[in-house]
Amino acid sequence: MTDRPNPVFQTIGEVLLIGTMATYNSQAEASQGIPKQWRSFLVNHPALGSSSNLYGASPCTGDGKIHYLTGVAHESPENVADGESLTLEAGEYAVVRVDETALLRDA
């Protein structure tokens, strides 16, 4: 079993993300679906390599569901991802760093 990295709290500036949003009805559904969501995102965007700034973000909503975006920081025109956008406002976030994008495919 692979050790999972622990989150650290970091203060970041505003970041515009672009990618694929999925909605899950429960934590169990999200735990099953998010790894598949990452695999699909990476397969659909093969030009995104290990040097890309990949982000997974779960915005707060009032519907009681878990919304999760797999995406990249929309920093420059060479980002090849398309899809929905989400702006992370400047603030403090729990950040889990994954240095091996292959780990996002396995799960």
PDB file of N, CA and C in Angstrom:
ATOM      1  N   MET A   1       0.838  -1.176   0.000  1.00  0.00           N
ATOM      2  CA  MET A   1       0.000   0.000   0.000  1.00  0.00           C
ATOM      3  C   MET A   1       0.884   1.240   0.000  1.00  0.00           C
ATOM      4  N   THR A   2       0.568   2.170  -0.842  1.00  0.00           N
ATOM      5  CA  THR A   2       1.344   3.394  -0.972  1.00  0.00           C
ATOM      6  C   THR A   2       0.994   4.355   0.156  1.00  0.00           C
ATOM      7  N   ASP A   3       2.037   4.961   0.753  1.00  0.00           N
ATOM      8  CA  ASP A   3       1.784   5.980   1.762  1.00  0.00           C
ATOM      9  C   ASP A   3       1.161   7.187   1.101  1.00  0.00           C
ATOM     10  N   ARG A   4       0.136   7.716   1.720  1.00  0.00           N
ATOM     11  CA  ARG A   4      -0.514   8.908   1.188  1.00  0.00           C
ATOM     12  C   ARG A   4       0.078  10.129   1.865  1.00  0.00           C
ATOM     13  N   PRO A   5       0.344  11.177   1.092  1.00  0.00           N
ATOM     14  CA  PRO A   5       0.920  12.381   1.681  1.00  0.00           C
ATOM     15  C   PRO A   5      -0.084  13.088   2.579  1.00  0.00           C
ATOM     16  N   ASN A   6       0.429  13.730   3.606  1.00  0.00           N
ATOM     17  CA  ASN A   6      -0.418  14.485   4.521  1.00  0.00           C
ATOM     18  C   ASN A   6      -0.573  15.917   4.020  1.00  0.00           C
ATOM     19  N   PRO A   7      -1.740  16.519   4.252  1.00  0.00           N
ATOM     20  CA  PRO A   7      -1.909  17.913   3.829  1.00  0.00           C
ATOM     21  C   PRO A   7      -1.128  18.865   4.728  1.00  0.00           C
ATOM     22  N   VAL A   8      -0.723  19.970   4.130  1.00  0.00           N
ATOM     23  CA  VAL A   8      -0.118  21.069   4.873  1.00  0.00           C
ATOM     24  C   VAL A   8      -0.942  22.308   4.548  1.00  0.00           C
ATOM     25  N   PHE A   9      -0.990  23.249   5.461  1.00  0.00           N
ATOM     26  CA  PHE A   9      -1.731  24.475   5.225  1.00  0.00           C
ATOM     27  C   PHE A   9      -0.800  25.510   4.628  1.00  0.00           C
ATOM     28  N   GLN A  10      -1.236  26.099   3.506  1.00  0.00           N
ATOM     29  CA  GLN A  10      -0.446  27.104   2.814  1.00  0.00           C
ATOM     30  C   GLN A  10      -1.332  28.283   2.450  1.00  0.00           C
ATOM     31  N   THR A  11      -0.747  29.463   2.494  1.00  0.00           N
ATOM     32  CA  THR A  11      -1.439  30.650   2.020  1.00  0.00           C
ATOM     33  C   THR A  11      -1.018  30.865   0.573  1.00  0.00           C
ATOM     34  N   ILE A  12      -2.020  30.967  -0.297  1.00  0.00           N
ATOM     35  CA  ILE A  12      -1.732  31.138  -1.727  1.00  0.00           C
ATOM     36  C   ILE A  12      -2.474  32.356  -2.258  1.00  0.00           C
ATOM     37  N   GLY A  13      -1.987  32.864  -3.369  1.00  0.00           N
ATOM     38  CA  GLY A  13      -2.686  33.931  -4.066  1.00  0.00           C
ATOM     39  C   GLY A  13      -3.811  33.345  -4.904  1.00  0.00           C
ATOM     40  N   GLU A  14      -4.585  34.203  -5.533  1.00  0.00           N
ATOM     41  CA  GLU A  14      -5.680  33.746  -6.384  1.00  0.00           C
ATOM     42  C   GLU A  14      -5.144  32.898  -7.533  1.00  0.00           C
ATOM     43  N   VAL A  15      -5.835  31.787  -7.814  1.00  0.00           N
ATOM     44  CA  VAL A  15      -5.451  30.889  -8.892  1.00  0.00           C
ATOM     45  C   VAL A  15      -6.698  30.556  -9.707  1.00  0.00           C
ATOM     46  N   LEU A  16      -6.601  30.717 -11.019  1.00  0.00           N
ATOM     47  CA  LEU A  16      -7.684  30.312 -11.912  1.00  0.00           C
ATOM     48  C   LEU A  16      -7.385  28.902 -12.396  1.00  0.00           C
ATOM     49  N   LEU A  17      -8.320  27.995 -12.159  1.00  0.00           N
ATOM     50  CA  LEU A  17      -8.169  26.606 -12.586  1.00  0.00           C
ATOM     51  C   LEU A  17      -9.109  26.336 -13.752  1.00  0.00           C
ATOM     52  N   ILE A  18      -8.712  25.410 -14.593  1.00  0.00           N
ATOM     53  CA  ILE A  18      -9.576  24.963 -15.680  1.00  0.00           C
ATOM     54  C   ILE A  18      -9.456  23.450 -15.763  1.00  0.00           C
ATOM     55  N   GLY A  19     -10.600  22.775 -15.921  1.00  0.00           N
ATOM     56  CA  GLY A  19     -10.564  21.325 -15.955  1.00  0.00           C
ATOM     57  C   GLY A  19     -11.939  20.706 -15.999  1.00  0.00           C
ATOM     58  N   THR A  20     -12.070  19.570 -15.327  1.00  0.00           N
ATOM     59  CA  THR A  20     -13.291  18.783 -15.346  1.00  0.00           C
ATOM     60  C   THR A  20     -13.881  18.712 -13.947  1.00  0.00           C
ATOM     61  N   MET A  21     -15.136  19.119 -13.808  1.00  0.00           N
ATOM     62  CA  MET A  21     -15.835  19.084 -12.523  1.00  0.00           C
ATOM     63  C   MET A  21     -16.757  17.867 -12.500  1.00  0.00           C
ATOM     64  N   ALA A  22     -16.764  17.173 -11.381  1.00  0.00           N
ATOM     65  CA  ALA A  22     -17.691  16.064 -11.164  1.00  0.00           C
ATOM     66  C   ALA A  22     -18.370  16.291  -9.822  1.00  0.00           C
ATOM     67  N   THR A  23     -19.565  15.752  -9.683  1.00  0.00           N
ATOM     68  CA  THR A  23     -20.333  15.879  -8.449  1.00  0.00           C
ATOM     69  C   THR A  23     -20.598  14.489  -7.894  1.00  0.00           C
ATOM     70  N   TYR A  24     -20.322  14.325  -6.607  1.00  0.00           N
ATOM     71  CA  TYR A  24     -20.503  13.046  -5.930  1.00  0.00           C
ATOM     72  C   TYR A  24     -21.523  13.215  -4.814  1.00  0.00           C
ATOM     73  N   ASN A  25     -22.333  12.192  -4.598  1.00  0.00           N
ATOM     74  CA  ASN A  25     -23.399  12.260  -3.595  1.00  0.00           C
ATOM     75  C   ASN A  25     -22.948  11.934  -2.178  1.00  0.00           C
ATOM     76  N   SER A  26     -21.764  11.320  -2.034  1.00  0.00           N
ATOM     77  CA  SER A  26     -21.282  10.930  -0.701  1.00  0.00           C
ATOM     78  C   SER A  26     -19.762  10.867  -0.708  1.00  0.00           C
ATOM     79  N   GLN A  27     -19.183  10.797   0.477  1.00  0.00           N
ATOM     80  CA  GLN A  27     -17.728  10.657   0.580  1.00  0.00           C
ATOM     81  C   GLN A  27     -17.285   9.331  -0.007  1.00  0.00           C
ATOM     82  N   ALA A  28     -18.061   8.276   0.210  1.00  0.00           N
ATOM     83  CA  ALA A  28     -17.709   6.969  -0.346  1.00  0.00           C
ATOM     84  C   ALA A  28     -17.693   7.016  -1.872  1.00  0.00           C
ATOM     85  N   GLU A  29     -18.684   7.673  -2.463  1.00  0.00           N
ATOM     86  CA  GLU A  29     -18.733   7.814  -3.914  1.00  0.00           C
ATOM     87  C   GLU A  29     -17.549   8.640  -4.415  1.00  0.00           C
ATOM     88  N   ALA A  30     -17.209   9.709  -3.695  1.00  0.00           N
ATOM     89  CA  ALA A  30     -16.070  10.547  -4.074  1.00  0.00           C
ATOM     90  C   ALA A  30     -14.764   9.759  -3.978  1.00  0.00           C
ATOM     91  N   SER A  31     -14.609   8.971  -2.933  1.00  0.00           N
ATOM     92  CA  SER A  31     -13.390   8.173  -2.766  1.00  0.00           C
ATOM     93  C   SER A  31     -13.205   7.188  -3.912  1.00  0.00           C
ATOM     94  N   GLN A  32     -14.298   6.661  -4.431  1.00  0.00           N
ATOM     95  CA  GLN A  32     -14.238   5.751  -5.573  1.00  0.00           C
ATOM     96  C   GLN A  32     -14.048   6.512  -6.885  1.00  0.00           C
ATOM     97  N   GLY A  33     -14.708   7.660  -7.011  1.00  0.00           N
ATOM     98  CA  GLY A  33     -14.757   8.365  -8.281  1.00  0.00           C
ATOM     99  C   GLY A  33     -13.587   9.275  -8.583  1.00  0.00           C
ATOM    100  N   ILE A  34     -12.998   9.894  -7.574  1.00  0.00           N
ATOM    101  CA  ILE A  34     -11.940  10.876  -7.823  1.00  0.00           C
ATOM    102  C   ILE A  34     -10.709  10.256  -8.494  1.00  0.00           C
ATOM    103  N   PRO A  35     -10.226   9.089  -8.066  1.00  0.00           N
ATOM    104  CA  PRO A  35      -9.097   8.493  -8.806  1.00  0.00           C
ATOM    105  C   PRO A  35      -9.440   8.226 -10.279  1.00  0.00           C
ATOM    106  N   LYS A  36     -10.674   7.784 -10.545  1.00  0.00           N
ATOM    107  CA  LYS A  36     -11.108   7.555 -11.926  1.00  0.00           C
ATOM    108  C   LYS A  36     -11.190   8.879 -12.675  1.00  0.00           C
ATOM    109  N   GLN A  37     -11.628   9.912 -11.977  1.00  0.00           N
ATOM    110  CA  GLN A  37     -11.705  11.242 -12.581  1.00  0.00           C
ATOM    111  C   GLN A  37     -10.309  11.719 -12.999  1.00  0.00           C
ATOM    112  N   TRP A  38      -9.305  11.505 -12.136  1.00  0.00           N
ATOM    113  CA  TRP A  38      -7.931  11.879 -12.474  1.00  0.00           C
ATOM    114  C   TRP A  38      -7.427  11.080 -13.671  1.00  0.00           C
ATOM    115  N   ARG A  39      -7.665   9.769 -13.671  1.00  0.00           N
ATOM    116  CA  ARG A  39      -7.214   8.940 -14.798  1.00  0.00           C
ATOM    117  C   ARG A  39      -7.801   9.453 -16.105  1.00  0.00           C
ATOM    118  N   SER A  40      -9.094   9.728 -16.100  1.00  0.00           N
ATOM    119  CA  SER A  40      -9.767  10.224 -17.297  1.00  0.00           C
ATOM    120  C   SER A  40      -9.206  11.576 -17.730  1.00  0.00           C
ATOM    121  N   PHE A  41      -8.994  12.475 -16.778  1.00  0.00           N
ATOM    122  CA  PHE A  41      -8.461  13.795 -17.088  1.00  0.00           C
ATOM    123  C   PHE A  41      -7.081  13.686 -17.729  1.00  0.00           C
ATOM    124  N   LEU A  42      -6.214  12.864 -17.160  1.00  0.00           N
ATOM    125  CA  LEU A  42      -4.852  12.726 -17.680  1.00  0.00           C
ATOM    126  C   LEU A  42      -4.824  12.017 -19.031  1.00  0.00           C
ATOM    127  N   VAL A  43      -5.708  11.037 -19.232  1.00  0.00           N
ATOM    128  CA  VAL A  43      -5.795  10.358 -20.521  1.00  0.00           C
ATOM    129  C   VAL A  43      -6.292  11.329 -21.593  1.00  0.00           C
ATOM    130  N   ASN A  44      -7.245  12.177 -21.241  1.00  0.00           N
ATOM    131  CA  ASN A  44      -7.812  13.124 -22.204  1.00  0.00           C
ATOM    132  C   ASN A  44      -6.902  14.310 -22.487  1.00  0.00           C
ATOM    133  N   HIS A  45      -5.873  14.492 -21.666  1.00  0.00           N
ATOM    134  CA  HIS A  45      -4.930  15.602 -21.848  1.00  0.00           C
ATOM    135  C   HIS A  45      -3.496  15.071 -21.782  1.00  0.00           C
ATOM    136  N   PRO A  46      -3.106  14.247 -22.761  1.00  0.00           N
ATOM    137  CA  PRO A  46      -1.789  13.604 -22.699  1.00  0.00           C
ATOM    138  C   PRO A  46      -0.617  14.578 -22.757  1.00  0.00           C
ATOM    139  N   ALA A  47      -0.835  15.786 -23.259  1.00  0.00           N
ATOM    140  CA  ALA A  47       0.266  16.758 -23.331  1.00  0.00           C
ATOM    141  C   ALA A  47       0.625  17.315 -21.957  1.00  0.00           C
ATOM    142  N   LEU A  48      -0.258  17.119 -20.984  1.00  0.00           N
ATOM    143  CA  LEU A  48       0.063  17.571 -19.624  1.00  0.00           C
ATOM    144  C   LEU A  48       1.054  16.584 -19.030  1.00  0.00           C
ATOM    145  N   GLY A  49       2.220  17.037 -18.740  1.00  0.00           N
ATOM    146  CA  GLY A  49       3.243  16.159 -18.194  1.00  0.00           C
ATOM    147  C   GLY A  49       3.443  16.407 -16.719  1.00  0.00           C
ATOM    148  N   SER A  50       4.479  15.831 -16.204  1.00  0.00           N
ATOM    149  CA  SER A  50       4.780  15.965 -14.783  1.00  0.00           C
ATOM    150  C   SER A  50       5.167  17.388 -14.410  1.00  0.00           C
ATOM    151  N   SER A  51       5.474  18.216 -15.407  1.00  0.00           N
ATOM    152  CA  SER A  51       5.842  19.597 -15.100  1.00  0.00           C
ATOM    153  C   SER A  51       4.621  20.509 -14.987  1.00  0.00           C
ATOM    154  N   SER A  52       3.444  20.007 -15.322  1.00  0.00           N
ATOM    155  CA  SER A  52       2.231  20.812 -15.235  1.00  0.00           C
ATOM    156  C   SER A  52       1.825  21.009 -13.781  1.00  0.00           C
ATOM    157  N   ASN A  53       1.217  22.155 -13.516  1.00  0.00           N
ATOM    158  CA  ASN A  53       0.674  22.417 -12.183  1.00  0.00           C
ATOM    159  C   ASN A  53      -0.747  21.883 -12.136  1.00  0.00           C
ATOM    160  N   LEU A  54      -0.876  20.624 -11.736  1.00  0.00           N
ATOM    161  CA  LEU A  54      -2.180  19.981 -11.633  1.00  0.00           C
ATOM    162  C   LEU A  54      -2.815  20.340 -10.304  1.00  0.00           C
ATOM    163  N   TYR A  55      -4.120  20.537 -10.327  1.00  0.00           N
ATOM    164  CA  TYR A  55      -4.855  20.875  -9.112  1.00  0.00           C
ATOM    165  C   TYR A  55      -6.106  20.024  -9.017  1.00  0.00           C
ATOM    166  N   GLY A  56      -6.419  19.619  -7.815  1.00  0.00           N
ATOM    167  CA  GLY A  56      -7.720  19.047  -7.489  1.00  0.00           C
ATOM    168  C   GLY A  56      -8.328  19.996  -6.476  1.00  0.00           C
ATOM    169  N   ALA A  57      -9.549  20.423  -6.709  1.00  0.00           N
ATOM    170  CA  ALA A  57     -10.169  21.397  -5.812  1.00  0.00           C
ATOM    171  C   ALA A  57     -11.615  21.012  -5.568  1.00  0.00           C
ATOM    172  N   SER A  58     -12.035  21.205  -4.340  1.00  0.00           N
ATOM    173  CA  SER A  58     -13.401  20.890  -3.959  1.00  0.00           C
ATOM    174  C   SER A  58     -14.042  22.135  -3.361  1.00  0.00           C
ATOM    175  N   PRO A  59     -14.796  22.882  -4.183  1.00  0.00           N
ATOM    176  CA  PRO A  59     -15.411  24.102  -3.667  1.00  0.00           C
ATOM    177  C   PRO A  59     -16.562  23.796  -2.711  1.00  0.00           C
ATOM    178  N   CYS A  60     -16.780  24.701  -1.794  1.00  0.00           N
ATOM    179  CA  CYS A  60     -17.903  24.571  -0.860  1.00  0.00           C
ATOM    180  C   CYS A  60     -19.200  24.912  -1.580  1.00  0.00           C
ATOM    181  N   THR A  61     -20.195  24.083  -1.390  1.00  0.00           N
ATOM    182  CA  THR A  61     -21.505  24.327  -1.977  1.00  0.00           C
ATOM    183  C   THR A  61     -22.562  24.057  -0.920  1.00  0.00           C
ATOM    184  N   GLY A  62     -23.747  24.514  -1.165  1.00  0.00           N
ATOM    185  CA  GLY A  62     -24.823  24.339  -0.198  1.00  0.00           C
ATOM    186  C   GLY A  62     -25.740  23.170  -0.492  1.00  0.00           C
ATOM    187  N   ASP A  63     -25.393  22.344  -1.475  1.00  0.00           N
ATOM    188  CA  ASP A  63     -26.303  21.266  -1.870  1.00  0.00           C
ATOM    189  C   ASP A  63     -26.033  19.938  -1.166  1.00  0.00           C
ATOM    190  N   GLY A  64     -25.036  19.891  -0.275  1.00  0.00           N
ATOM    191  CA  GLY A  64     -24.740  18.669   0.465  1.00  0.00           C
ATOM    192  C   GLY A  64     -23.993  17.628  -0.339  1.00  0.00           C
ATOM    193  N   LYS A  65     -23.535  17.987  -1.530  1.00  0.00           N
ATOM    194  CA  LYS A  65     -22.789  17.053  -2.371  1.00  0.00           C
ATOM    195  C   LYS A  65     -21.330  17.481  -2.425  1.00  0.00           C
ATOM    196  N   ILE A  66     -20.479  16.592  -2.917  1.00  0.00           N
ATOM    197  CA  ILE A  66     -19.059  16.887  -3.055  1.00  0.00           C
ATOM    198  C   ILE A  66     -18.790  17.193  -4.521  1.00  0.00           C
ATOM    199  N   HIS A  67     -18.373  18.404  -4.784  1.00  0.00           N
ATOM    200  CA  HIS A  67     -17.993  18.833  -6.130  1.00  0.00           C
ATOM    201  C   HIS A  67     -16.471  18.811  -6.170  1.00  0.00           C
ATOM    202  N   TYR A  68     -15.899  18.223  -7.220  1.00  0.00           N
ATOM    203  CA  TYR A  68     -14.439  18.091  -7.285  1.00  0.00           C
ATOM    204  C   TYR A  68     -13.982  18.397  -8.703  1.00  0.00           C
ATOM    205  N   LEU A  69     -13.004  19.287  -8.818  1.00  0.00           N
ATOM    206  CA  LEU A  69     -12.443  19.658 -10.106  1.00  0.00           C
ATOM    207  C   LEU A  69     -11.042  19.083 -10.241  1.00  0.00           C
ATOM    208  N   THR A  70     -10.807  18.370 -11.336  1.00  0.00           N
ATOM    209  CA  THR A  70      -9.461  17.959 -11.712  1.00  0.00           C
ATOM    210  C   THR A  70      -9.023  18.918 -12.800  1.00  0.00           C
ATOM    211  N   GLY A  71      -7.878  19.572 -12.617  1.00  0.00           N
ATOM    212  CA  GLY A  71      -7.501  20.554 -13.619  1.00  0.00           C
ATOM    213  C   GLY A  71      -6.090  21.059 -13.471  1.00  0.00           C
ATOM    214  N   VAL A  72      -5.848  22.150 -14.176  1.00  0.00           N
ATOM    215  CA  VAL A  72      -4.546  22.800 -14.172  1.00  0.00           C
ATOM    216  C   VAL A  72      -4.742  24.279 -13.892  1.00  0.00           C
ATOM    217  N   ALA A  73      -3.668  24.902 -13.422  1.00  0.00           N
ATOM    218  CA  ALA A  73      -3.676  26.351 -13.271  1.00  0.00           C
ATOM    219  C   ALA A  73      -3.674  26.945 -14.674  1.00  0.00           C
ATOM    220  N   HIS A  74      -4.575  27.857 -14.917  1.00  0.00           N
ATOM    221  CA  HIS A  74      -4.677  28.497 -16.241  1.00  0.00           C
ATOM    222  C   HIS A  74      -3.749  29.699 -16.247  1.00  0.00           C
ATOM    223  N   GLU A  75      -2.464  29.405 -16.447  1.00  0.00           N
ATOM    224  CA  GLU A  75      -1.434  30.436 -16.348  1.00  0.00           C
ATOM    225  C   GLU A  75      -0.983  30.951 -17.697  1.00  0.00           C
ATOM    226  N   SER A  76      -1.035  30.090 -18.696  1.00  0.00           N
ATOM    227  CA  SER A  76      -0.479  30.496 -19.983  1.00  0.00           C
ATOM    228  C   SER A  76      -1.186  29.749 -21.113  1.00  0.00           C
ATOM    229  N   PRO A  77      -1.054  30.244 -22.334  1.00  0.00           N
ATOM    230  CA  PRO A  77      -1.736  29.618 -23.473  1.00  0.00           C
ATOM    231  C   PRO A  77      -1.285  28.193 -23.775  1.00  0.00           C
ATOM    232  N   GLU A  78      -0.116  27.786 -23.296  1.00  0.00           N
ATOM    233  CA  GLU A  78       0.321  26.423 -23.611  1.00  0.00           C
ATOM    234  C   GLU A  78      -0.391  25.352 -22.795  1.00  0.00           C
ATOM    235  N   ASN A  79      -1.158  25.749 -21.772  1.00  0.00           N
ATOM    236  CA  ASN A  79      -1.981  24.769 -21.072  1.00  0.00           C
ATOM    237  C   ASN A  79      -3.023  24.254 -22.055  1.00  0.00           C
ATOM    238  N   VAL A  80      -3.088  22.945 -22.208  1.00  0.00           N
ATOM    239  CA  VAL A  80      -3.941  22.362 -23.225  1.00  0.00           C
ATOM    240  C   VAL A  80      -5.282  21.897 -22.673  1.00  0.00           C
ATOM    241  N   ALA A  81      -5.517  22.064 -21.406  1.00  0.00           N
ATOM    242  CA  ALA A  81      -6.776  21.623 -20.822  1.00  0.00           C
ATOM    243  C   ALA A  81      -7.887  22.583 -21.213  1.00  0.00           C
ATOM    244  N   ASP A  82      -9.061  22.029 -21.324  1.00  0.00           N
ATOM    245  CA  ASP A  82     -10.232  22.850 -21.542  1.00  0.00           C
ATOM    246  C   ASP A  82     -11.287  22.393 -20.539  1.00  0.00           C
ATOM    247  N   GLY A  83     -12.392  23.090 -20.489  1.00  0.00           N
ATOM    248  CA  GLY A  83     -13.457  22.659 -19.607  1.00  0.00           C
ATOM    249  C   GLY A  83     -13.951  23.767 -18.719  1.00  0.00           C
ATOM    250  N   GLU A  84     -14.377  23.380 -17.536  1.00  0.00           N
ATOM    251  CA  GLU A  84     -14.941  24.325 -16.587  1.00  0.00           C
ATOM    252  C   GLU A  84     -13.843  25.078 -15.857  1.00  0.00           C
ATOM    253  N   SER A  85     -14.159  26.288 -15.442  1.00  0.00           N
ATOM    254  CA  SER A  85     -13.180  27.062 -14.684  1.00  0.00           C
ATOM    255  C   SER A  85     -13.644  27.228 -13.248  1.00  0.00           C
ATOM    256  N   LEU A  86     -12.677  27.408 -12.388  1.00  0.00           N
ATOM    257  CA  LEU A  86     -12.912  27.617 -10.963  1.00  0.00           C
ATOM    258  C   LEU A  86     -11.816  28.535 -10.453  1.00  0.00           C
ATOM    259  N   THR A  87     -12.199  29.573  -9.747  1.00  0.00           N
ATOM    260  CA  THR A  87     -11.208  30.481  -9.184  1.00  0.00           C
ATOM    261  C   THR A  87     -11.044  30.180  -7.700  1.00  0.00           C
ATOM    262  N   LEU A  88      -9.812  29.861  -7.316  1.00  0.00           N
ATOM    263  CA  LEU A  88      -9.482  29.737  -5.897  1.00  0.00           C
ATOM    264  C   LEU A  88      -9.099  31.134  -5.427  1.00  0.00           C
ATOM    265  N   GLU A  89      -9.862  31.667  -4.512  1.00  0.00           N
ATOM    266  CA  GLU A  89      -9.550  32.990  -3.994  1.00  0.00           C
ATOM    267  C   GLU A  89      -8.289  32.919  -3.149  1.00  0.00           C
ATOM    268  N   ALA A  90      -7.597  34.030  -3.032  1.00  0.00           N
ATOM    269  CA  ALA A  90      -6.406  34.081  -2.179  1.00  0.00           C
ATOM    270  C   ALA A  90      -6.822  33.710  -0.758  1.00  0.00           C
ATOM    271  N   GLY A  91      -6.009  32.894  -0.110  1.00  0.00           N
ATOM    272  CA  GLY A  91      -6.320  32.496   1.260  1.00  0.00           C
ATOM    273  C   GLY A  91      -5.506  31.292   1.681  1.00  0.00           C
ATOM    274  N   GLU A  92      -5.908  30.697   2.787  1.00  0.00           N
ATOM    275  CA  GLU A  92      -5.209  29.534   3.323  1.00  0.00           C
ATOM    276  C   GLU A  92      -5.944  28.268   2.898  1.00  0.00           C
ATOM    277  N   TYR A  93      -5.177  27.298   2.397  1.00  0.00           N
ATOM    278  CA  TYR A  93      -5.738  26.048   1.900  1.00  0.00           C
ATOM    279  C   TYR A  93      -4.965  24.860   2.448  1.00  0.00           C
ATOM    280  N   ALA A  94      -5.658  23.728   2.598  1.00  0.00           N
ATOM    281  CA  ALA A  94      -4.998  22.462   2.888  1.00  0.00           C
ATOM    282  C   ALA A  94      -4.484  21.941   1.551  1.00  0.00           C
ATOM    283  N   VAL A  95      -3.187  21.724   1.453  1.00  0.00           N
ATOM    284  CA  VAL A  95      -2.552  21.331   0.194  1.00  0.00           C
ATOM    285  C   VAL A  95      -1.903  19.965   0.373  1.00  0.00           C
ATOM    286  N   VAL A  96      -2.205  19.066  -0.558  1.00  0.00           N
ATOM    287  CA  VAL A  96      -1.548  17.763  -0.612  1.00  0.00           C
ATOM    288  C   VAL A  96      -0.739  17.759  -1.896  1.00  0.00           C
ATOM    289  N   ARG A  97       0.545  17.648  -1.755  1.00  0.00           N
ATOM    290  CA  ARG A  97       1.431  17.674  -2.920  1.00  0.00           C
ATOM    291  C   ARG A  97       1.686  16.243  -3.386  1.00  0.00           C
ATOM    292  N   VAL A  98       1.493  16.020  -4.678  1.00  0.00           N
ATOM    293  CA  VAL A  98       1.771  14.734  -5.296  1.00  0.00           C
ATOM    294  C   VAL A  98       2.845  14.988  -6.348  1.00  0.00           C
ATOM    295  N   ASP A  99       4.030  14.452  -6.124  1.00  0.00           N
ATOM    296  CA  ASP A  99       5.142  14.698  -7.031  1.00  0.00           C
ATOM    297  C   ASP A  99       5.161  13.755  -8.228  1.00  0.00           C
ATOM    298  N   GLU A 100       4.504  12.635  -8.130  1.00  0.00           N
ATOM    299  CA  GLU A 100       4.472  11.663  -9.220  1.00  0.00           C
ATOM    300  C   GLU A 100       3.078  11.625  -9.815  1.00  0.00           C
ATOM    301  N   THR A 101       2.895  12.200 -11.013  1.00  0.00           N
ATOM    302  CA  THR A 101       1.563  12.190 -11.609  1.00  0.00           C
ATOM    303  C   THR A 101       1.076  10.778 -11.890  1.00  0.00           C
ATOM    304  N   ALA A 102       1.972   9.825 -11.988  1.00  0.00           N
ATOM    305  CA  ALA A 102       1.554   8.432 -12.182  1.00  0.00           C
ATOM    306  C   ALA A 102       0.699   7.969 -11.011  1.00  0.00           C
ATOM    307  N   LEU A 103       0.936   8.507  -9.819  1.00  0.00           N
ATOM    308  CA  LEU A 103       0.123   8.146  -8.666  1.00  0.00           C
ATOM    309  C   LEU A 103      -1.329   8.588  -8.839  1.00  0.00           C
ATOM    310  N   LEU A 104      -1.553   9.608  -9.641  1.00  0.00           N
ATOM    311  CA  LEU A 104      -2.920  10.059  -9.900  1.00  0.00           C
ATOM    312  C   LEU A 104      -3.644   9.098 -10.827  1.00  0.00           C
ATOM    313  N   ARG A 105      -2.893   8.331 -11.584  1.00  0.00           N
ATOM    314  CA  ARG A 105      -3.496   7.344 -12.483  1.00  0.00           C
ATOM    315  C   ARG A 105      -3.793   6.049 -11.759  1.00  0.00           C
ATOM    316  N   ASP A 106      -3.003   5.730 -10.745  1.00  0.00           N
ATOM    317  CA  ASP A 106      -3.151   4.497  -9.998  1.00  0.00           C
ATOM    318  C   ASP A 106      -4.037   4.764  -8.795  1.00  0.00           C
ATOM    319  N   ALA A 107      -4.927   3.929  -8.540  1.00  0.00           N
ATOM    320  CA  ALA A 107      -5.734   4.016  -7.323  1.00  0.00           C
ATOM    321  C   ALA A 107      -6.897   3.084  -7.436  1.00  0.00           C
TER     322      ALA A 107
END
